[in-house]
Structure formats: structure tokens, C-alpha cells
PDB file of all heavy atoms in Angstrom:
ATOM      1  N   SER A   1     -26.779 -17.138 167.527  1.00  0.00           N
ATOM      2  CA  SER A   1     -25.932 -16.791 166.394  1.00  0.00           C
ATOM      3  C   SER A   1     -26.802 -16.183 165.300  1.00  0.00           C
ATOM      4  O   SER A   1     -27.868 -16.715 164.985  1.00  0.00           O
ATOM      5  CB  SER A   1     -25.223 -18.030 165.837  1.00  0.00           C
ATOM      6  OG  SER A   1     -24.223 -18.471 166.739  1.00  0.00           O
ATOM      7  N   VAL A   2     -26.339 -15.068 164.747  1.00  0.00           N
ATOM      8  CA  VAL A   2     -27.010 -14.436 163.607  1.00  0.00           C
ATOM      9  C   VAL A   2     -26.174 -14.740 162.369  1.00  0.00           C
ATOM     10  O   VAL A   2     -24.986 -14.429 162.318  1.00  0.00           O
ATOM     11  CB  VAL A   2     -27.141 -12.910 163.797  1.00  0.00           C
ATOM     12  CG1 VAL A   2     -27.892 -12.291 162.621  1.00  0.00           C
ATOM     13  CG2 VAL A   2     -27.862 -12.594 165.107  1.00  0.00           C
ATOM     14  N   ILE A   3     -26.791 -15.395 161.403  1.00  0.00           N
ATOM     15  CA  ILE A   3     -26.072 -15.808 160.197  1.00  0.00           C
ATOM     16  C   ILE A   3     -26.715 -15.187 158.959  1.00  0.00           C
ATOM     17  O   ILE A   3     -27.854 -14.726 159.008  1.00  0.00           O
ATOM     18  CB  ILE A   3     -26.033 -17.350 160.056  1.00  0.00           C
ATOM     19  CG1 ILE A   3     -27.458 -17.923 159.908  1.00  0.00           C
ATOM     20  CG2 ILE A   3     -25.315 -17.985 161.247  1.00  0.00           C
ATOM     21  CD1 ILE A   3     -27.503 -19.392 159.508  1.00  0.00           C
ATOM     22  N   GLY A   4     -25.960 -15.199 157.873  1.00  0.00           N
ATOM     23  CA  GLY A   4     -26.465 -14.664 156.610  1.00  0.00           C
ATOM     24  C   GLY A   4     -25.309 -14.204 155.751  1.00  0.00           C
ATOM     25  O   GLY A   4     -24.198 -13.999 156.239  1.00  0.00           O
ATOM     26  N   PRO A   5     -25.534 -14.032 154.457  1.00  0.00           N
ATOM     27  CA  PRO A   5     -24.456 -13.621 153.555  1.00  0.00           C
ATOM     28  C   PRO A   5     -24.045 -12.172 153.789  1.00  0.00           C
ATOM     29  O   PRO A   5     -24.705 -11.433 154.529  1.00  0.00           O
ATOM     30  CB  PRO A   5     -25.077 -13.790 152.165  1.00  0.00           C
ATOM     31  CG  PRO A   5     -26.548 -13.642 152.395  1.00  0.00           C
ATOM     32  CD  PRO A   5     -26.812 -14.204 153.760  1.00  0.00           C
ATOM     33  N   SER A   6     -22.952 -11.764 153.161  1.00  0.00           N
ATOM     34  CA  SER A   6     -22.523 -10.366 153.235  1.00  0.00           C
ATOM     35  C   SER A   6     -23.639  -9.451 152.764  1.00  0.00           C
ATOM     36  O   SER A   6     -24.295  -9.722 151.762  1.00  0.00           O
ATOM     37  CB  SER A   6     -21.289 -10.157 152.350  1.00  0.00           C
ATOM     38  OG  SER A   6     -20.194 -10.868 152.859  1.00  0.00           O
ATOM     39  N   GLY A   7     -23.878  -8.379 153.535  1.00  0.00           N
ATOM     40  CA  GLY A   7     -24.917  -7.430 153.158  1.00  0.00           C
ATOM     41  C   GLY A   7     -26.312  -7.810 153.591  1.00  0.00           C
ATOM     42  O   GLY A   7     -27.275  -7.144 153.230  1.00  0.00           O
ATOM     43  N   SER A   8     -26.442  -8.878 154.395  1.00  0.00           N
ATOM     44  CA  SER A   8     -27.783  -9.324 154.809  1.00  0.00           C
ATOM     45  C   SER A   8     -28.346  -8.500 155.962  1.00  0.00           C
ATOM     46  O   SER A   8     -29.536  -8.577 156.255  1.00  0.00           O
ATOM     47  CB  SER A   8     -27.755 -10.804 155.212  1.00  0.00           C
ATOM     48  OG  SER A   8     -26.846 -11.010 156.285  1.00  0.00           O
ATOM     49  N   GLY A   9     -27.494  -7.709 156.624  1.00  0.00           N
ATOM     50  CA  GLY A   9     -27.971  -6.849 157.714  1.00  0.00           C
ATOM     51  C   GLY A   9     -27.501  -7.248 159.095  1.00  0.00           C
ATOM     52  O   GLY A   9     -27.950  -6.679 160.095  1.00  0.00           O
ATOM     53  N   LYS A  10     -26.571  -8.212 159.183  1.00  0.00           N
ATOM     54  CA  LYS A  10     -26.144  -8.729 160.492  1.00  0.00           C
ATOM     55  C   LYS A  10     -25.529  -7.641 161.385  1.00  0.00           C
ATOM     56  O   LYS A  10     -25.903  -7.493 162.542  1.00  0.00           O
ATOM     57  CB  LYS A  10     -25.137  -9.880 160.317  1.00  0.00           C
ATOM     58  CG  LYS A  10     -25.683 -11.064 159.558  1.00  0.00           C
ATOM     59  CD  LYS A  10     -24.779 -12.292 159.658  1.00  0.00           C
ATOM     60  CE  LYS A  10     -23.369 -12.071 159.149  1.00  0.00           C
ATOM     61  NZ  LYS A  10     -23.323 -11.757 157.695  1.00  0.00           N
ATOM     62  N   SER A  11     -24.572  -6.898 160.836  1.00  0.00           N
ATOM     63  CA  SER A  11     -23.907  -5.862 161.633  1.00  0.00           C
ATOM     64  C   SER A  11     -24.855  -4.724 161.975  1.00  0.00           C
ATOM     65  O   SER A  11     -24.807  -4.167 163.071  1.00  0.00           O
ATOM     66  CB  SER A  11     -22.678  -5.317 160.901  1.00  0.00           C
ATOM     67  OG  SER A  11     -21.638  -6.269 160.904  1.00  0.00           O
ATOM     68  N   THR A  12     -25.736  -4.395 161.053  1.00  0.00           N
ATOM     69  CA  THR A  12     -26.728  -3.345 161.307  1.00  0.00           C
ATOM     70  C   THR A  12     -27.641  -3.760 162.460  1.00  0.00           C
ATOM     71  O   THR A  12     -27.946  -2.960 163.353  1.00  0.00           O
ATOM     72  CB  THR A  12     -27.555  -3.061 160.038  1.00  0.00           C
ATOM     73  OG1 THR A  12     -26.679  -2.610 159.015  1.00  0.00           O
ATOM     74  CG2 THR A  12     -28.609  -2.003 160.295  1.00  0.00           C
ATOM     75  N   LEU A  13     -28.084  -5.007 162.447  1.00  0.00           N
ATOM     76  CA  LEU A  13     -28.937  -5.539 163.520  1.00  0.00           C
ATOM     77  C   LEU A  13     -28.251  -5.379 164.874  1.00  0.00           C
ATOM     78  O   LEU A  13     -28.840  -4.879 165.836  1.00  0.00           O
ATOM     79  CB  LEU A  13     -29.244  -7.018 163.257  1.00  0.00           C
ATOM     80  CG  LEU A  13     -30.099  -7.716 164.315  1.00  0.00           C
ATOM     81  CD1 LEU A  13     -31.568  -7.370 164.131  1.00  0.00           C
ATOM     82  CD2 LEU A  13     -29.913  -9.224 164.254  1.00  0.00           C
ATOM     83  N   LEU A  14     -26.985  -5.776 164.942  1.00  0.00           N
ATOM     84  CA  LEU A  14     -26.249  -5.718 166.204  1.00  0.00           C
ATOM     85  C   LEU A  14     -26.094  -4.277 166.687  1.00  0.00           C
ATOM     86  O   LEU A  14     -26.301  -3.979 167.865  1.00  0.00           O
ATOM     87  CB  LEU A  14     -24.860  -6.359 166.023  1.00  0.00           C
ATOM     88  CG  LEU A  14     -24.420  -7.323 167.119  1.00  0.00           C
ATOM     89  CD1 LEU A  14     -25.361  -8.507 167.192  1.00  0.00           C
ATOM     90  CD2 LEU A  14     -23.001  -7.819 166.876  1.00  0.00           C
ATOM     91  N   ARG A  15     -25.748  -3.386 165.757  1.00  0.00           N
ATOM     92  CA  ARG A  15     -25.462  -2.003 166.146  1.00  0.00           C
ATOM     93  C   ARG A  15     -26.728  -1.203 166.477  1.00  0.00           C
ATOM     94  O   ARG A  15     -26.648  -0.173 167.145  1.00  0.00           O
ATOM     95  CB  ARG A  15     -24.673  -1.305 165.035  1.00  0.00           C
ATOM     96  CG  ARG A  15     -23.215  -1.723 165.036  1.00  0.00           C
ATOM     97  CD  ARG A  15     -22.522  -1.389 163.726  1.00  0.00           C
ATOM     98  NE  ARG A  15     -21.081  -1.451 163.848  1.00  0.00           N
ATOM     99  CZ  ARG A  15     -20.362  -2.563 163.919  1.00  0.00           C
ATOM    100  NH1 ARG A  15     -20.982  -3.745 163.876  1.00  0.00           N
ATOM    101  NH2 ARG A  15     -19.046  -2.528 164.040  1.00  0.00           N
ATOM    102  N   ALA A  16     -27.864  -1.703 166.038  1.00  0.00           N
ATOM    103  CA  ALA A  16     -29.125  -1.045 166.393  1.00  0.00           C
ATOM    104  C   ALA A  16     -29.505  -1.306 167.849  1.00  0.00           C
ATOM    105  O   ALA A  16     -30.260  -0.532 168.453  1.00  0.00           O
ATOM    106  CB  ALA A  16     -30.249  -1.526 165.473  1.00  0.00           C
ATOM    107  N   ILE A  17     -28.964  -2.371 168.415  1.00  0.00           N
ATOM    108  CA  ILE A  17     -29.361  -2.781 169.768  1.00  0.00           C
ATOM    109  C   ILE A  17     -28.948  -1.744 170.806  1.00  0.00           C
ATOM    110  O   ILE A  17     -29.725  -1.403 171.694  1.00  0.00           O
ATOM    111  CB  ILE A  17     -28.786  -4.176 170.110  1.00  0.00           C
ATOM    112  CG1 ILE A  17     -29.472  -5.245 169.245  1.00  0.00           C
ATOM    113  CG2 ILE A  17     -28.967  -4.500 171.599  1.00  0.00           C
ATOM    114  CD1 ILE A  17     -28.811  -6.617 169.288  1.00  0.00           C
ATOM    115  N   ASN A  18     -27.718  -1.231 170.713  1.00  0.00           N
ATOM    116  CA  ASN A  18     -27.290  -0.216 171.684  1.00  0.00           C
ATOM    117  C   ASN A  18     -27.122   1.161 171.040  1.00  0.00           C
ATOM    118  O   ASN A  18     -26.391   2.003 171.506  1.00  0.00           O
ATOM    119  CB  ASN A  18     -26.015  -0.636 172.415  1.00  0.00           C
ATOM    120  CG  ASN A  18     -24.861  -0.858 171.482  1.00  0.00           C
ATOM    121  OD1 ASN A  18     -25.016  -0.842 170.264  1.00  0.00           O
ATOM    122  ND2 ASN A  18     -23.682  -1.066 172.043  1.00  0.00           N
ATOM    123  N   ARG A  19     -27.827   1.327 169.922  1.00  0.00           N
ATOM    124  CA  ARG A  19     -27.934   2.613 169.222  1.00  0.00           C
ATOM    125  C   ARG A  19     -26.582   3.153 168.754  1.00  0.00           C
ATOM    126  O   ARG A  19     -26.350   4.360 168.762  1.00  0.00           O
ATOM    127  CB  ARG A  19     -28.644   3.641 170.122  1.00  0.00           C
ATOM    128  CG  ARG A  19     -29.446   4.653 169.305  1.00  0.00           C
ATOM    129  CD  ARG A  19     -30.465   5.391 170.145  1.00  0.00           C
ATOM    130  NE  ARG A  19     -31.107   6.424 169.348  1.00  0.00           N
ATOM    131  CZ  ARG A  19     -30.645   7.660 169.246  1.00  0.00           C
ATOM    132  NH1 ARG A  19     -29.550   8.010 169.880  1.00  0.00           N
ATOM    133  NH2 ARG A  19     -31.267   8.538 168.502  1.00  0.00           N
ATOM    134  N   LEU A  20     -25.703   2.267 168.336  1.00  0.00           N
ATOM    135  CA  LEU A  20     -24.496   2.711 167.655  1.00  0.00           C
ATOM    136  C   LEU A  20     -24.866   3.290 166.294  1.00  0.00           C
ATOM    137  O   LEU A  20     -24.116   4.074 165.716  1.00  0.00           O
ATOM    138  CB  LEU A  20     -23.502   1.562 167.502  1.00  0.00           C
ATOM    139  CG  LEU A  20     -22.773   1.127 168.783  1.00  0.00           C
ATOM    140  CD1 LEU A  20     -21.822  -0.009 168.492  1.00  0.00           C
ATOM    141  CD2 LEU A  20     -22.027   2.284 169.427  1.00  0.00           C
ATOM    142  N   ILE A  21     -26.009   2.845 165.773  1.00  0.00           N
ATOM    143  CA  ILE A  21     -26.599   3.493 164.590  1.00  0.00           C
ATOM    144  C   ILE A  21     -28.058   3.796 164.914  1.00  0.00           C
ATOM    145  O   ILE A  21     -28.708   3.030 165.630  1.00  0.00           O
ATOM    146  CB  ILE A  21     -26.510   2.605 163.327  1.00  0.00           C
ATOM    147  CG1 ILE A  21     -27.211   1.257 163.566  1.00  0.00           C
ATOM    148  CG2 ILE A  21     -25.092   2.420 162.858  1.00  0.00           C
ATOM    149  CD1 ILE A  21     -27.598   0.551 162.313  1.00  0.00           C
ATOM    150  N   PRO A  22     -28.587   4.920 164.406  1.00  0.00           N
ATOM    151  CA  PRO A  22     -30.014   5.193 164.600  1.00  0.00           C
ATOM    152  C   PRO A  22     -30.840   4.355 163.631  1.00  0.00           C
ATOM    153  O   PRO A  22     -30.417   4.119 162.502  1.00  0.00           O
ATOM    154  CB  PRO A  22     -30.128   6.685 164.267  1.00  0.00           C
ATOM    155  CG  PRO A  22     -29.001   6.946 163.309  1.00  0.00           C
ATOM    156  CD  PRO A  22     -27.893   5.990 163.680  1.00  0.00           C
ATOM    157  N   ILE A  23     -31.998   3.897 164.083  1.00  0.00           N
ATOM    158  CA  ILE A  23     -32.868   3.126 163.186  1.00  0.00           C
ATOM    159  C   ILE A  23     -33.811   4.076 162.452  1.00  0.00           C
ATOM    160  O   ILE A  23     -34.021   5.210 162.872  1.00  0.00           O
ATOM    161  CB  ILE A  23     -33.652   2.036 163.947  1.00  0.00           C
ATOM    162  CG1 ILE A  23     -34.502   2.637 165.071  1.00  0.00           C
ATOM    163  CG2 ILE A  23     -32.698   0.971 164.474  1.00  0.00           C
ATOM    164  CD1 ILE A  23     -35.393   1.641 165.779  1.00  0.00           C
ATOM    165  N   SER A  24     -34.362   3.605 161.354  1.00  0.00           N
ATOM    166  CA  SER A  24     -35.249   4.434 160.526  1.00  0.00           C
ATOM    167  C   SER A  24     -36.715   4.284 160.915  1.00  0.00           C
ATOM    168  O   SER A  24     -37.531   5.169 160.657  1.00  0.00           O
ATOM    169  CB  SER A  24     -35.080   4.058 159.054  1.00  0.00           C
ATOM    170  OG  SER A  24     -33.729   4.106 158.674  1.00  0.00           O
ATOM    171  N   GLY A  25     -37.064   3.152 161.518  1.00  0.00           N
ATOM    172  CA  GLY A  25     -38.452   2.917 161.911  1.00  0.00           C
ATOM    173  C   GLY A  25     -38.548   1.775 162.896  1.00  0.00           C
ATOM    174  O   GLY A  25     -37.632   0.955 163.008  1.00  0.00           O
ATOM    175  N   GLY A  26     -39.647   1.729 163.639  1.00  0.00           N
ATOM    176  CA  GLY A  26     -39.853   0.674 164.625  1.00  0.00           C
ATOM    177  C   GLY A  26     -39.270   1.044 165.976  1.00  0.00           C
ATOM    178  O   GLY A  26     -38.869   2.185 166.208  1.00  0.00           O
ATOM    179  N   THR A  27     -39.206   0.055 166.882  1.00  0.00           N
ATOM    180  CA  THR A  27     -38.740   0.289 168.257  1.00  0.00           C
ATOM    181  C   THR A  27     -37.828  -0.846 168.711  1.00  0.00           C
ATOM    182  O   THR A  27     -38.112  -2.016 168.443  1.00  0.00           O
ATOM    183  CB  THR A  27     -39.935   0.381 169.233  1.00  0.00           C
ATOM    184  OG1 THR A  27     -40.917   1.272 168.695  1.00  0.00           O
ATOM    185  CG2 THR A  27     -39.507   0.899 170.583  1.00  0.00           C
ATOM    186  N   VAL A  28     -36.756  -0.477 169.398  1.00  0.00           N
ATOM    187  CA  VAL A  28     -35.874  -1.450 170.056  1.00  0.00           C
ATOM    188  C   VAL A  28     -36.054  -1.294 171.562  1.00  0.00           C
ATOM    189  O   VAL A  28     -35.916  -0.190 172.104  1.00  0.00           O
ATOM    190  CB  VAL A  28     -34.389  -1.229 169.682  1.00  0.00           C
ATOM    191  CG1 VAL A  28     -33.498  -2.234 170.417  1.00  0.00           C
ATOM    192  CG2 VAL A  28     -34.182  -1.346 168.176  1.00  0.00           C
ATOM    193  N   TRP A  29     -36.369  -2.391 172.220  1.00  0.00           N
ATOM    194  CA  TRP A  29     -36.504  -2.405 173.687  1.00  0.00           C
ATOM    195  C   TRP A  29     -35.367  -3.207 174.286  1.00  0.00           C
ATOM    196  O   TRP A  29     -35.070  -4.314 173.844  1.00  0.00           O
ATOM    197  CB  TRP A  29     -37.826  -3.072 174.100  1.00  0.00           C
ATOM    198  CG  TRP A  29     -39.051  -2.391 173.590  1.00  0.00           C
ATOM    199  CD1 TRP A  29     -39.584  -2.479 172.338  1.00  0.00           C
ATOM    200  CD2 TRP A  29     -39.911  -1.513 174.319  1.00  0.00           C
ATOM    201  NE1 TRP A  29     -40.711  -1.710 172.229  1.00  0.00           N
ATOM    202  CE2 TRP A  29     -40.946  -1.103 173.428  1.00  0.00           C
ATOM    203  CE3 TRP A  29     -39.911  -1.036 175.630  1.00  0.00           C
ATOM    204  CZ2 TRP A  29     -41.968  -0.241 173.828  1.00  0.00           C
ATOM    205  CZ3 TRP A  29     -40.930  -0.180 176.021  1.00  0.00           C
ATOM    206  CH2 TRP A  29     -41.937   0.209 175.128  1.00  0.00           C
ATOM    207  N   LEU A  30     -34.710  -2.661 175.313  1.00  0.00           N
ATOM    208  CA  LEU A  30     -33.644  -3.357 176.029  1.00  0.00           C
ATOM    209  C   LEU A  30     -33.955  -3.330 177.519  1.00  0.00           C
ATOM    210  O   LEU A  30     -34.111  -2.246 178.102  1.00  0.00           O
ATOM    211  CB  LEU A  30     -32.288  -2.693 175.757  1.00  0.00           C
ATOM    212  CG  LEU A  30     -31.089  -3.237 176.534  1.00  0.00           C
ATOM    213  CD1 LEU A  30     -30.796  -4.689 176.144  1.00  0.00           C
ATOM    214  CD2 LEU A  30     -29.857  -2.380 176.302  1.00  0.00           C
ATOM    215  N   ASP A  31     -34.074  -4.489 178.109  1.00  0.00           N
ATOM    216  CA  ASP A  31     -34.347  -4.601 179.542  1.00  0.00           C
ATOM    217  C   ASP A  31     -35.581  -3.776 179.946  1.00  0.00           C
ATOM    218  O   ASP A  31     -35.586  -3.085 180.961  1.00  0.00           O
ATOM    219  CB  ASP A  31     -33.112  -4.150 180.331  1.00  0.00           C
ATOM    220  CG  ASP A  31     -33.112  -4.675 181.770  1.00  0.00           C
ATOM    221  OD1 ASP A  31     -33.778  -5.693 182.034  1.00  0.00           O
ATOM    222  OD2 ASP A  31     -32.447  -4.050 182.621  1.00  0.00           O
ATOM    223  N   GLY A  32     -36.623  -3.835 179.097  1.00  0.00           N
ATOM    224  CA  GLY A  32     -37.891  -3.180 179.416  1.00  0.00           C
ATOM    225  C   GLY A  32     -37.974  -1.703 179.077  1.00  0.00           C
ATOM    226  O   GLY A  32     -39.009  -1.073 179.301  1.00  0.00           O
ATOM    227  N   GLN A  33     -36.890  -1.119 178.531  1.00  0.00           N
ATOM    228  CA  GLN A  33     -36.903   0.302 178.174  1.00  0.00           C
ATOM    229  C   GLN A  33     -36.573   0.472 176.693  1.00  0.00           C
ATOM    230  O   GLN A  33     -35.790  -0.289 176.141  1.00  0.00           O
ATOM    231  CB  GLN A  33     -35.876   1.071 179.005  1.00  0.00           C
ATOM    232  CG  GLN A  33     -36.174   1.081 180.493  1.00  0.00           C
ATOM    233  CD  GLN A  33     -35.145   1.890 181.268  1.00  0.00           C
ATOM    234  OE1 GLN A  33     -34.573   2.848 180.759  1.00  0.00           O
ATOM    235  NE2 GLN A  33     -34.901   1.494 182.502  1.00  0.00           N
ATOM    236  N   THR A  34     -37.146   1.507 176.086  1.00  0.00           N
ATOM    237  CA  THR A  34     -36.832   1.760 174.684  1.00  0.00           C
ATOM    238  C   THR A  34     -35.421   2.320 174.568  1.00  0.00           C
ATOM    239  O   THR A  34     -34.990   3.123 175.381  1.00  0.00           O
ATOM    240  CB  THR A  34     -37.820   2.766 174.053  1.00  0.00           C
ATOM    241  OG1 THR A  34     -37.764   3.986 174.791  1.00  0.00           O
ATOM    242  CG2 THR A  34     -39.219   2.223 174.027  1.00  0.00           C
ATOM    243  N   VAL A  35     -34.707   1.860 173.550  1.00  0.00           N
ATOM    244  CA  VAL A  35     -33.360   2.364 173.270  1.00  0.00           C
ATOM    245  C   VAL A  35     -33.413   3.361 172.124  1.00  0.00           C
ATOM    246  O   VAL A  35     -32.656   4.340 172.083  1.00  0.00           O
ATOM    247  CB  VAL A  35     -32.411   1.202 172.858  1.00  0.00           C
ATOM    248  CG1 VAL A  35     -31.012   1.730 172.557  1.00  0.00           C
ATOM    249  CG2 VAL A  35     -32.350   0.142 173.928  1.00  0.00           C
ATOM    250  N   SER A  36     -34.337   3.132 171.205  1.00  0.00           N
ATOM    251  CA  SER A  36     -34.335   3.857 169.934  1.00  0.00           C
ATOM    252  C   SER A  36     -34.516   5.359 170.075  1.00  0.00           C
ATOM    253  O   SER A  36     -34.141   6.113 169.191  1.00  0.00           O
ATOM    254  CB  SER A  36     -35.392   3.264 168.987  1.00  0.00           C
ATOM    255  OG  SER A  36     -36.447   2.656 169.685  1.00  0.00           O
ATOM    256  N   ASN A  37     -35.086   5.829 171.207  1.00  0.00           N
ATOM    257  CA  ASN A  37     -35.278   7.280 171.355  1.00  0.00           C
ATOM    258  C   ASN A  37     -34.508   7.854 172.543  1.00  0.00           C
ATOM    259  O   ASN A  37     -34.781   8.960 172.992  1.00  0.00           O
ATOM    260  CB  ASN A  37     -36.773   7.614 171.494  1.00  0.00           C
ATOM    261  CG  ASN A  37     -37.408   6.886 172.680  1.00  0.00           C
ATOM    262  OD1 ASN A  37     -36.727   6.149 173.390  1.00  0.00           O
ATOM    263  ND2 ASN A  37     -38.698   7.091 172.885  1.00  0.00           N
TER     264      ASN A  37
END
């Protein structure tokens, strides 16, 4: 469970996982492969 107040970044975190939103920096790996690029 990801918890936190409104505006803490919960939805952004979730949507970065399958690239529903592009990230600004860093790398997301899913099942051994990068998603972010």
C-alpha cells in the first residue's frame, strides 16, 4: 500500500511504472527491462 496526503505523489508514482506519464529523471525497471525509455 502506498499512503500519503493529497499531492504527495502517489498517483504519479503509480503512473510512472507503466509509463502512463513520462518521468523527468532516473530509471524505472519492470521485470528486468527499463520502462522509462
